[in-house]
Protein backbone atom coordinates (compact mmCIF):
# COMPACT_ATOMS: atom_id res chain seq x y z
CA MET A 1 135.56 -159.01 184.98
CA THR A 2 133.81 -157.28 187.52
CA LYS A 3 132.08 -154.11 187.00
CA THR A 4 134.40 -152.32 189.06
CA THR A 5 137.22 -153.31 187.23
CA LYS A 6 135.33 -152.36 183.85
CA ILE A 7 135.04 -148.71 185.62
CA VAL A 8 138.62 -148.21 186.91
CA LEU A 9 139.87 -149.31 183.64
CA ALA A 10 137.91 -147.09 181.78
CA SER A 11 138.64 -144.39 183.94
CA LEU A 12 142.26 -145.02 183.89
CA ILE A 13 142.14 -145.02 179.93
CA LEU A 14 140.26 -141.58 180.08
CA ALA A 15 142.87 -140.31 182.31
CA LEU A 16 145.33 -141.35 179.80
CA THR A 17 143.81 -139.99 177.31
CA ALA A 18 143.25 -136.44 178.82
CA THR A 19 147.05 -136.25 179.64
CA GLY A 20 147.87 -136.89 175.88
CA LEU A 21 145.16 -134.05 174.62
CA ALA A 22 146.72 -131.56 177.20
CA GLN A 23 148.00 -128.64 175.50
CA GLU A 24 149.27 -125.31 175.84
CA ASN A 25 147.35 -122.64 174.16
CA ASN A 26 150.11 -120.76 172.22
CA VAL A 27 150.96 -123.94 170.08
CA VAL A 28 151.04 -123.23 166.60
CA ALA A 29 148.80 -125.10 164.45
CA ASN A 30 151.09 -126.87 162.55
CA ASP A 31 153.59 -127.76 165.01
CA ALA A 32 154.77 -131.44 164.63
CA ASN A 33 154.90 -132.39 168.26
CA ILE A 34 150.90 -131.62 169.06
CA ASN A 35 150.09 -135.31 169.00
CA GLU A 36 153.26 -136.60 170.51
CA GLY A 37 151.32 -137.73 173.94
CA LEU A 38 148.40 -139.42 171.54
CA ILE A 39 151.20 -141.24 169.79
CA ALA A 40 153.01 -142.45 172.93
CA ILE A 41 150.10 -143.61 174.07
CA GLY A 42 148.80 -145.70 170.95
CA LYS A 43 152.21 -147.19 170.91
CA GLY A 44 152.01 -148.67 174.22
CA LEU A 45 148.29 -149.73 173.63
CA ALA A 46 149.59 -151.38 170.42
CA LEU A 47 152.38 -153.67 172.32
CA GLY A 48 150.41 -153.63 176.02
CA LEU A 49 147.51 -155.06 174.18
CA ALA A 50 149.41 -157.11 172.24
CA ALA A 51 151.25 -158.76 175.02
CA LEU A 52 148.03 -158.96 177.00
CA GLY A 53 146.38 -161.09 174.34
CA THR A 54 149.46 -163.15 173.87
CA GLY A 55 149.65 -164.14 177.75
CA TRP A 56 145.96 -164.92 177.81
CA ALA A 57 146.00 -167.04 175.16
CA GLN A 58 149.48 -168.53 176.38
CA SER A 59 147.90 -169.28 179.73
CA ARG A 60 144.98 -171.49 178.01
CA ILE A 61 147.20 -173.49 175.76
CA GLY A 62 149.36 -173.88 178.37
CA SER A 63 147.13 -175.64 180.49
CA SER A 64 145.97 -177.75 177.81
CA LEU A 65 149.18 -178.95 176.78
CA VAL A 66 150.50 -180.10 179.89
CA GLY A 67 147.50 -182.13 180.22
CA ALA A 68 147.95 -183.56 176.52
CA ALA A 69 151.59 -183.97 177.05
CA ALA A 70 150.91 -185.86 180.17
CA GLU A 71 148.59 -188.38 178.36
CA ASP A 72 151.35 -188.52 175.08
CA SER A 73 154.73 -187.38 175.37
CA SER A 74 155.66 -188.29 172.01
CA LYS A 75 153.55 -185.58 170.30
CA LEU A 76 155.39 -182.53 172.65
CA GLY A 77 157.25 -181.09 169.59
CA GLN A 78 153.93 -180.31 167.83
CA LEU A 79 152.32 -179.13 171.25
CA LEU A 80 155.06 -176.73 171.82
CA LEU A 81 154.82 -175.13 168.34
CA VAL A 82 150.92 -174.38 169.05
CA PHE A 83 151.95 -173.22 172.29
CA LEU A 84 154.26 -170.85 170.50
CA LEU A 85 152.06 -169.60 167.97
CA PRO A 86 150.54 -166.87 170.10
CA GLU A 87 153.81 -164.99 170.35
CA THR A 88 153.22 -163.80 166.87
CA LEU A 89 150.82 -161.23 168.39
CA VAL A 90 153.79 -159.83 170.24
CA ILE A 91 155.55 -159.58 167.14
CA PHE A 92 152.49 -157.66 165.57
CA GLY A 93 152.36 -155.31 168.40
CA PHE A 94 156.19 -154.68 168.47
CA LEU A 95 155.86 -154.23 164.58
CA ALA A 96 153.02 -151.57 165.28
CA LEU A 97 155.08 -149.77 167.92
CA PHE A 98 157.75 -148.92 165.28
CA LEU A 99 155.06 -148.30 162.25
CA ILE A 100 153.11 -145.64 164.54
């Protein structure tokens, strides 16, 4: 990840956080909708980062899986199970989306 990419990503996160924190001045302190924007950002990050982690893991595993399957195709079922294992990260992110 280059320095420019890190700067763009950090500024995007800060911009999204700023929009989540933006409130009207006449909001009552006990209003339940005060943190609605931050909750939406948290839900998006929970599912989005879980999906990114899964994609990154499966890309690395998938390339190894193709090489191993080319050498010995009898182990394809076991290798497929290892390939699908990171998909649980998305399931956990989806669960966190509903728990937030």
